[in-house]
Amino acid sequence: MIRYQNVSVSFGKFNVLNHITFEVNKGDFLHIVGPNGSGKTTLVKLLTGLLKPTEGMIDIASVHMGYLPQKLSSKTNFPMTVREVIYSGMKKQRLIPTKEDCDLVKKWLDIMEISHLYQESMTYLSGGQQQRVYLIRALISNPDLLILDEPTSALDPSFREKFYHLLYDLQQEKGTTIIHVTHDLTDAVKDNCLIMYVDQKIKFFGTYHDFHHFEHRGHHHD
């Protein structure tokens, strides 16, 4: 579904990504893991078209994409309601939502445990509540490819576990391809992980299990 071929990104003399090559197949769940400044967010911005590579090529299959940017929060005096933000993520934008639209929104509000906030202004929501709304917006169109940049940063620990179960259900039942950016390697225990390093290169690409063997052998990125 996705192929990065020797991709680099630089701004003037500052390198943000250095010669990145990897592939993502349909139905994969890939965790992009690394410290701040390693290039994780840049990597996914290339997928969405928000950035262009300085060198190299990116091939992406024509798919419907859902995207949750990093640190998306609504400042004071943000005029939209929870309802309006969620409906903005639906595949078909209708002036008058159908019963099916309303039922779908209700289902996701229930899943995210924020049904009581349906008519609330985004201005008055906590960071965690806002994040749940934006997660619904990314998920409600049933995307083929779901890109989540630090999606649980404002979620409480008990809901984080529920959220990851939800993602695995989407992958297993609907074949959704998921790319998940995180700084926490333990989020990747079941899946493939792409470990970024502070030099903006790939340190490791493979399964979490294999990464521990890689670390044990004391290998380092060239």
C-alpha atoms as a PDB file:
ATOM      1  CA  MET A   1       0.000   0.000   0.000  1.00  0.00           C
ATOM      2  CA  ILE A   2       2.862   2.405   0.832  1.00  0.00           C
ATOM      3  CA  ARG A   3       6.480   2.444  -0.302  1.00  0.00           C
ATOM      4  CA  TYR A   4       9.171   4.920   0.793  1.00  0.00           C
ATOM      5  CA  GLN A   5      12.251   4.805  -1.439  1.00  0.00           C
ATOM      6  CA  ASN A   6      15.362   6.595  -0.151  1.00  0.00           C
ATOM      7  CA  VAL A   7      13.271   9.506   1.140  1.00  0.00           C
ATOM      8  CA  SER A   8      14.958  12.535   2.694  1.00  0.00           C
ATOM      9  CA  VAL A   9      13.513  15.837   3.882  1.00  0.00           C
ATOM     10  CA  SER A  10      15.548  18.932   4.659  1.00  0.00           C
ATOM     11  CA  PHE A  11      14.846  22.577   5.372  1.00  0.00           C
ATOM     12  CA  GLY A  12      17.911  24.501   4.256  1.00  0.00           C
ATOM     13  CA  LYS A  13      20.878  22.811   5.941  1.00  0.00           C
ATOM     14  CA  PHE A  14      18.710  21.100   8.556  1.00  0.00           C
ATOM     15  CA  ASN A  15      17.936  17.428   7.837  1.00  0.00           C
ATOM     16  CA  VAL A  16      14.598  16.160   9.142  1.00  0.00           C
ATOM     17  CA  LEU A  17      14.693  12.702   7.520  1.00  0.00           C
ATOM     18  CA  ASN A  18      17.726  10.868   6.147  1.00  0.00           C
ATOM     19  CA  HIS A  19      17.353   8.248   3.382  1.00  0.00           C
ATOM     20  CA  ILE A  20      14.274   6.397   4.643  1.00  0.00           C
ATOM     21  CA  THR A  21      13.222   3.167   2.878  1.00  0.00           C
ATOM     22  CA  PHE A  22      10.420   0.828   3.992  1.00  0.00           C
ATOM     23  CA  GLU A  23       7.073  -0.641   2.889  1.00  0.00           C
ATOM     24  CA  VAL A  24       3.640  -0.981   4.476  1.00  0.00           C
ATOM     25  CA  ASN A  25       1.258  -3.656   3.194  1.00  0.00           C
ATOM     26  CA  LYS A  26      -2.522  -3.583   3.271  1.00  0.00           C
ATOM     27  CA  GLY A  27      -3.810  -4.556   6.703  1.00  0.00           C
ATOM     28  CA  ASP A  28      -0.531  -3.861   8.519  1.00  0.00           C
ATOM     29  CA  PHE A  29      -0.443  -2.225  11.938  1.00  0.00           C
ATOM     30  CA  LEU A  30       2.786  -0.229  12.024  1.00  0.00           C
ATOM     31  CA  HIS A  31       4.034   1.658  15.076  1.00  0.00           C
ATOM     32  CA  ILE A  32       6.506   4.454  14.334  1.00  0.00           C
ATOM     33  CA  VAL A  33       8.487   4.857  17.547  1.00  0.00           C
ATOM     34  CA  GLY A  34      11.189   7.318  18.515  1.00  0.00           C
ATOM     35  CA  PRO A  35      12.160  10.278  20.675  1.00  0.00           C
ATOM     36  CA  ASN A  36      11.150  13.858  19.974  1.00  0.00           C
ATOM     37  CA  GLY A  37      13.051  15.243  16.999  1.00  0.00           C
ATOM     38  CA  SER A  38      13.632  11.862  15.345  1.00  0.00           C
ATOM     39  CA  GLY A  39      11.379  12.665  12.373  1.00  0.00           C
ATOM     40  CA  LYS A  40       8.247  10.626  13.234  1.00  0.00           C
ATOM     41  CA  THR A  41       5.709  13.365  12.486  1.00  0.00           C
ATOM     42  CA  THR A  42       7.542  14.380   9.312  1.00  0.00           C
ATOM     43  CA  LEU A  43       7.306  10.771   8.147  1.00  0.00           C
ATOM     44  CA  VAL A  44       3.502  10.765   8.342  1.00  0.00           C
ATOM     45  CA  LYS A  45       3.066  14.313   7.024  1.00  0.00           C
ATOM     46  CA  LEU A  46       4.651  13.049   3.808  1.00  0.00           C
ATOM     47  CA  LEU A  47       1.868  10.470   3.569  1.00  0.00           C
ATOM     48  CA  THR A  48      -0.874  13.062   3.862  1.00  0.00           C
ATOM     49  CA  GLY A  49       0.663  15.400   1.304  1.00  0.00           C
ATOM     50  CA  LEU A  50       1.331  18.115   3.875  1.00  0.00           C
ATOM     51  CA  LEU A  51       5.045  17.813   3.051  1.00  0.00           C
ATOM     52  CA  LYS A  52       6.988  16.813  -0.051  1.00  0.00           C
ATOM     53  CA  PRO A  53      10.272  14.865   0.036  1.00  0.00           C
ATOM     54  CA  THR A  54      13.486  16.708  -0.778  1.00  0.00           C
ATOM     55  CA  GLU A  55      14.786  13.509  -2.374  1.00  0.00           C
ATOM     56  CA  GLY A  56      13.487  10.027  -3.029  1.00  0.00           C
ATOM     57  CA  MET A  57       9.989   8.806  -3.881  1.00  0.00           C
ATOM     58  CA  ILE A  58       6.828   7.802  -2.018  1.00  0.00           C
ATOM     59  CA  ASP A  59       4.290   5.503  -3.684  1.00  0.00           C
ATOM     60  CA  ILE A  60       0.857   5.386  -2.037  1.00  0.00           C
ATOM     61  CA  ALA A  61      -2.114   3.373  -3.253  1.00  0.00           C
ATOM     62  CA  SER A  62      -5.282   5.346  -3.927  1.00  0.00           C
ATOM     63  CA  VAL A  63      -7.165   4.819  -0.655  1.00  0.00           C
ATOM     64  CA  HIS A  64      -9.504   6.686   1.653  1.00  0.00           C
ATOM     65  CA  MET A  65      -7.424   8.071   4.521  1.00  0.00           C
ATOM     66  CA  GLY A  66      -8.257   9.097   8.077  1.00  0.00           C
ATOM     67  CA  TYR A  67      -5.710  11.307   9.840  1.00  0.00           C
ATOM     68  CA  LEU A  68      -5.323  12.536  13.401  1.00  0.00           C
ATOM     69  CA  PRO A  69      -2.537  15.157  13.615  1.00  0.00           C
ATOM     70  CA  GLN A  70      -0.331  15.548  16.659  1.00  0.00           C
ATOM     71  CA  LYS A  71      -1.450  17.839  19.503  1.00  0.00           C
ATOM     72  CA  LEU A  72      -4.731  18.845  17.884  1.00  0.00           C
ATOM     73  CA  SER A  73      -6.535  20.963  20.435  1.00  0.00           C
ATOM     74  CA  SER A  74      -9.130  23.700  20.304  1.00  0.00           C
ATOM     75  CA  LYS A  75      -8.195  26.977  21.864  1.00  0.00           C
ATOM     76  CA  THR A  76     -10.692  29.293  23.540  1.00  0.00           C
ATOM     77  CA  ASN A  77     -13.454  30.766  21.392  1.00  0.00           C
ATOM     78  CA  PHE A  78     -13.430  27.823  18.975  1.00  0.00           C
ATOM     79  CA  PRO A  79     -16.943  28.149  17.526  1.00  0.00           C
ATOM     80  CA  MET A  80     -17.678  24.541  16.476  1.00  0.00           C
ATOM     81  CA  THR A  81     -19.667  22.052  18.504  1.00  0.00           C
ATOM     82  CA  VAL A  82     -18.757  18.399  19.038  1.00  0.00           C
ATOM     83  CA  ARG A  83     -21.502  17.457  16.587  1.00  0.00           C
ATOM     84  CA  GLU A  84     -20.146  19.762  13.865  1.00  0.00           C
ATOM     85  CA  VAL A  85     -16.557  18.535  14.227  1.00  0.00           C
ATOM     86  CA  ILE A  86     -17.640  14.900  13.954  1.00  0.00           C
ATOM     87  CA  TYR A  87     -19.886  15.464  10.933  1.00  0.00           C
ATOM     88  CA  SER A  88     -16.999  17.234   9.169  1.00  0.00           C
ATOM     89  CA  GLY A  89     -15.213  13.864   9.047  1.00  0.00           C
ATOM     90  CA  MET A  90     -17.986  11.931   7.301  1.00  0.00           C
ATOM     91  CA  LYS A  91     -17.475  10.717   3.740  1.00  0.00           C
ATOM     92  CA  LYS A  92     -20.687  12.344   2.498  1.00  0.00           C
ATOM     93  CA  GLN A  93     -21.382  15.861   3.705  1.00  0.00           C
ATOM     94  CA  ARG A  94     -25.142  16.472   3.846  1.00  0.00           C
ATOM     95  CA  LEU A  95     -27.026  19.614   4.800  1.00  0.00           C
ATOM     96  CA  ILE A  96     -29.534  17.412   6.610  1.00  0.00           C
ATOM     97  CA  PRO A  97     -27.998  14.223   8.069  1.00  0.00           C
ATOM     98  CA  THR A  98     -29.846  10.970   7.428  1.00  0.00           C
ATOM     99  CA  LYS A  99     -30.986   8.610  10.178  1.00  0.00           C
ATOM    100  CA  GLU A 100     -28.046   6.363   9.245  1.00  0.00           C
ATOM    101  CA  ASP A 101     -25.664   9.295   9.735  1.00  0.00           C
ATOM    102  CA  CYS A 102     -27.146  10.079  13.130  1.00  0.00           C
ATOM    103  CA  ASP A 103     -27.022   6.429  14.216  1.00  0.00           C
ATOM    104  CA  LEU A 104     -23.360   6.173  13.174  1.00  0.00           C
ATOM    105  CA  VAL A 105     -22.436   9.308  15.112  1.00  0.00           C
ATOM    106  CA  LYS A 106     -24.307   8.043  18.160  1.00  0.00           C
ATOM    107  CA  LYS A 107     -22.471   4.710  17.955  1.00  0.00           C
ATOM    108  CA  TRP A 108     -19.065   6.403  17.958  1.00  0.00           C
ATOM    109  CA  LEU A 109     -20.017   8.812  20.735  1.00  0.00           C
ATOM    110  CA  ASP A 110     -21.011   5.798  22.841  1.00  0.00           C
ATOM    111  CA  ILE A 111     -17.753   3.984  22.032  1.00  0.00           C
ATOM    112  CA  MET A 112     -15.726   7.038  23.045  1.00  0.00           C
ATOM    113  CA  GLU A 113     -17.897   7.549  26.140  1.00  0.00           C
ATOM    114  CA  ILE A 114     -18.765  11.174  25.337  1.00  0.00           C
ATOM    115  CA  SER A 115     -22.448  10.958  24.309  1.00  0.00           C
ATOM    116  CA  HIS A 116     -23.298  13.648  26.861  1.00  0.00           C
ATOM    117  CA  LEU A 117     -21.073  16.144  25.017  1.00  0.00           C
ATOM    118  CA  TYR A 118     -22.844  15.905  21.653  1.00  0.00           C
ATOM    119  CA  GLN A 119     -24.075  19.521  21.552  1.00  0.00           C
ATOM    120  CA  GLU A 120     -21.235  21.002  23.606  1.00  0.00           C
ATOM    121  CA  SER A 121     -18.885  23.649  22.244  1.00  0.00           C
ATOM    122  CA  MET A 122     -15.325  22.375  21.719  1.00  0.00           C
ATOM    123  CA  THR A 123     -14.125  25.405  23.694  1.00  0.00           C
ATOM    124  CA  TYR A 124     -15.391  23.952  26.976  1.00  0.00           C
ATOM    125  CA  LEU A 125     -13.977  20.440  26.599  1.00  0.00           C
ATOM    126  CA  SER A 126     -10.881  19.138  28.360  1.00  0.00           C
ATOM    127  CA  GLY A 127      -7.860  18.085  26.285  1.00  0.00           C
ATOM    128  CA  GLY A 128      -8.783  14.418  26.634  1.00  0.00           C
ATOM    129  CA  GLN A 129     -12.394  15.047  25.601  1.00  0.00           C
ATOM    130  CA  GLN A 130     -11.280  17.042  22.567  1.00  0.00           C
ATOM    131  CA  GLN A 131      -8.942  14.231  21.574  1.00  0.00           C
ATOM    132  CA  ARG A 132     -11.807  11.725  21.668  1.00  0.00           C
ATOM    133  CA  VAL A 133     -13.855  13.985  19.383  1.00  0.00           C
ATOM    134  CA  TYR A 134     -11.011  14.239  16.868  1.00  0.00           C
ATOM    135  CA  LEU A 135     -10.506  10.474  17.046  1.00  0.00           C
ATOM    136  CA  ILE A 136     -14.161   9.996  16.083  1.00  0.00           C
ATOM    137  CA  ARG A 137     -13.705  12.398  13.179  1.00  0.00           C
ATOM    138  CA  ALA A 138     -10.734  10.333  11.928  1.00  0.00           C
ATOM    139  CA  LEU A 139     -12.555   7.009  12.357  1.00  0.00           C
ATOM    140  CA  ILE A 140     -16.136   7.724  11.332  1.00  0.00           C
ATOM    141  CA  SER A 141     -15.566   7.553   7.572  1.00  0.00           C
ATOM    142  CA  ASN A 142     -14.274   3.968   7.877  1.00  0.00           C
ATOM    143  CA  PRO A 143     -10.913   4.769   6.229  1.00  0.00           C
ATOM    144  CA  ASP A 144      -8.776   2.170   4.455  1.00  0.00           C
ATOM    145  CA  LEU A 145      -5.679   3.821   5.904  1.00  0.00           C
ATOM    146  CA  LEU A 146      -5.694   5.320   9.396  1.00  0.00           C
ATOM    147  CA  ILE A 147      -2.805   7.580  10.466  1.00  0.00           C
ATOM    148  CA  LEU A 148      -2.662   8.507  14.142  1.00  0.00           C
ATOM    149  CA  ASP A 149       0.049  10.824  15.481  1.00  0.00           C
ATOM    150  CA  GLU A 150       0.309  10.394  19.284  1.00  0.00           C
ATOM    151  CA  PRO A 151      -3.452   9.671  19.539  1.00  0.00           C
ATOM    152  CA  THR A 152      -3.467   8.818  23.248  1.00  0.00           C
ATOM    153  CA  SER A 153      -1.353  11.696  24.572  1.00  0.00           C
ATOM    154  CA  ALA A 154      -4.320  13.269  26.399  1.00  0.00           C
ATOM    155  CA  LEU A 155      -6.283  10.087  27.170  1.00  0.00           C
ATOM    156  CA  ASP A 156      -6.431   8.580  30.647  1.00  0.00           C
ATOM    157  CA  PRO A 157      -4.731   5.165  31.043  1.00  0.00           C
ATOM    158  CA  SER A 158      -7.968   3.177  31.424  1.00  0.00           C
ATOM    159  CA  PHE A 159      -9.361   4.531  28.160  1.00  0.00           C
ATOM    160  CA  ARG A 160      -6.055   4.051  26.326  1.00  0.00           C
ATOM    161  CA  GLU A 161      -6.407   0.278  26.690  1.00  0.00           C
ATOM    162  CA  LYS A 162      -9.957   0.378  25.341  1.00  0.00           C
ATOM    163  CA  PHE A 163      -8.827   2.531  22.429  1.00  0.00           C
ATOM    164  CA  TYR A 164      -6.084   0.085  21.404  1.00  0.00           C
ATOM    165  CA  HIS A 165      -8.580  -2.783  21.514  1.00  0.00           C
ATOM    166  CA  LEU A 166     -10.755  -0.741  19.163  1.00  0.00           C
ATOM    167  CA  LEU A 167      -7.856  -0.291  16.732  1.00  0.00           C
ATOM    168  CA  TYR A 168      -7.070  -4.008  16.730  1.00  0.00           C
ATOM    169  CA  ASP A 169     -10.732  -4.768  16.024  1.00  0.00           C
ATOM    170  CA  LEU A 170     -10.647  -2.415  13.022  1.00  0.00           C
ATOM    171  CA  GLN A 171      -7.501  -4.085  11.729  1.00  0.00           C
ATOM    172  CA  GLN A 172      -8.762  -7.645  12.231  1.00  0.00           C
ATOM    173  CA  GLU A 173     -12.405  -7.232  11.173  1.00  0.00           C
ATOM    174  CA  LYS A 174     -12.180  -4.592   8.435  1.00  0.00           C
ATOM    175  CA  GLY A 175      -8.587  -4.937   7.283  1.00  0.00           C
ATOM    176  CA  THR A 176      -7.814  -1.304   8.110  1.00  0.00           C
ATOM    177  CA  THR A 177      -4.168  -0.388   7.609  1.00  0.00           C
ATOM    178  CA  ILE A 178      -3.004   1.560  10.674  1.00  0.00           C
ATOM    179  CA  ILE A 179       0.071   3.745  11.117  1.00  0.00           C
ATOM    180  CA  HIS A 180       0.503   4.809  14.716  1.00  0.00           C
ATOM    181  CA  VAL A 181       3.105   7.341  15.861  1.00  0.00           C
ATOM    182  CA  THR A 182       4.180   6.983  19.481  1.00  0.00           C
ATOM    183  CA  HIS A 183       7.170   7.611  21.743  1.00  0.00           C
ATOM    184  CA  ASP A 184       6.349   4.501  23.818  1.00  0.00           C
ATOM    185  CA  LEU A 185       7.783   1.237  22.473  1.00  0.00           C
ATOM    186  CA  THR A 186       5.485  -0.844  24.703  1.00  0.00           C
ATOM    187  CA  ASP A 187       2.556   0.237  22.483  1.00  0.00           C
ATOM    188  CA  ALA A 188       4.089  -1.931  19.741  1.00  0.00           C
ATOM    189  CA  VAL A 189       4.241  -5.303  21.525  1.00  0.00           C
ATOM    190  CA  LYS A 190       1.938  -7.131  19.072  1.00  0.00           C
ATOM    191  CA  ASP A 191       2.963  -5.653  15.764  1.00  0.00           C
ATOM    192  CA  ASN A 192       5.578  -4.308  13.400  1.00  0.00           C
ATOM    193  CA  CYS A 193       7.525  -1.319  14.588  1.00  0.00           C
ATOM    194  CA  LEU A 194       9.710   1.209  12.817  1.00  0.00           C
ATOM    195  CA  ILE A 195      12.209   2.628  15.287  1.00  0.00           C
ATOM    196  CA  MET A 196      13.489   6.103  14.462  1.00  0.00           C
ATOM    197  CA  TYR A 197      16.782   7.367  15.839  1.00  0.00           C
ATOM    198  CA  VAL A 198      17.963  10.849  16.813  1.00  0.00           C
ATOM    199  CA  ASP A 199      19.888  11.060  13.527  1.00  0.00           C
ATOM    200  CA  GLN A 200      16.537  10.971  11.656  1.00  0.00           C
ATOM    201  CA  LYS A 201      17.303   7.520  10.251  1.00  0.00           C
ATOM    202  CA  ILE A 202      15.629   4.156  10.698  1.00  0.00           C
ATOM    203  CA  LYS A 203      17.264   2.221  13.500  1.00  0.00           C
ATOM    204  CA  PHE A 204      15.100  -0.892  13.093  1.00  0.00           C
ATOM    205  CA  PHE A 205      12.121  -2.090  11.058  1.00  0.00           C
ATOM    206  CA  GLY A 206      10.396  -5.362  11.949  1.00  0.00           C
ATOM    207  CA  THR A 207       8.447  -7.011  14.755  1.00  0.00           C
ATOM    208  CA  TYR A 208       8.653  -5.980  18.399  1.00  0.00           C
ATOM    209  CA  HIS A 209       9.879  -9.500  19.229  1.00  0.00           C
ATOM    210  CA  ASP A 210      12.714  -9.265  16.692  1.00  0.00           C
ATOM    211  CA  PHE A 211      13.660  -5.809  17.956  1.00  0.00           C
ATOM    212  CA  HIS A 212      14.520  -7.248  21.365  1.00  0.00           C
ATOM    213  CA  HIS A 213      16.836  -9.787  19.720  1.00  0.00           C
ATOM    214  CA  PHE A 214      18.336  -6.945  17.697  1.00  0.00           C
ATOM    215  CA  GLU A 215      18.967  -4.920  20.869  1.00  0.00           C
ATOM    216  CA  HIS A 216      20.337  -7.940  22.726  1.00  0.00           C
ATOM    217  CA  ARG A 217      22.905  -8.514  19.985  1.00  0.00           C
ATOM    218  CA  GLY A 218      23.999  -4.884  20.391  1.00  0.00           C
ATOM    219  CA  HIS A 219      23.415  -3.907  16.791  1.00  0.00           C
ATOM    220  CA  HIS A 220      23.358  -0.240  15.868  1.00  0.00           C
ATOM    221  CA  HIS A 221      22.183   1.601  12.810  1.00  0.00           C
ATOM    222  CA  ASP A 222      24.888   2.296  10.245  1.00  0.00           C
END
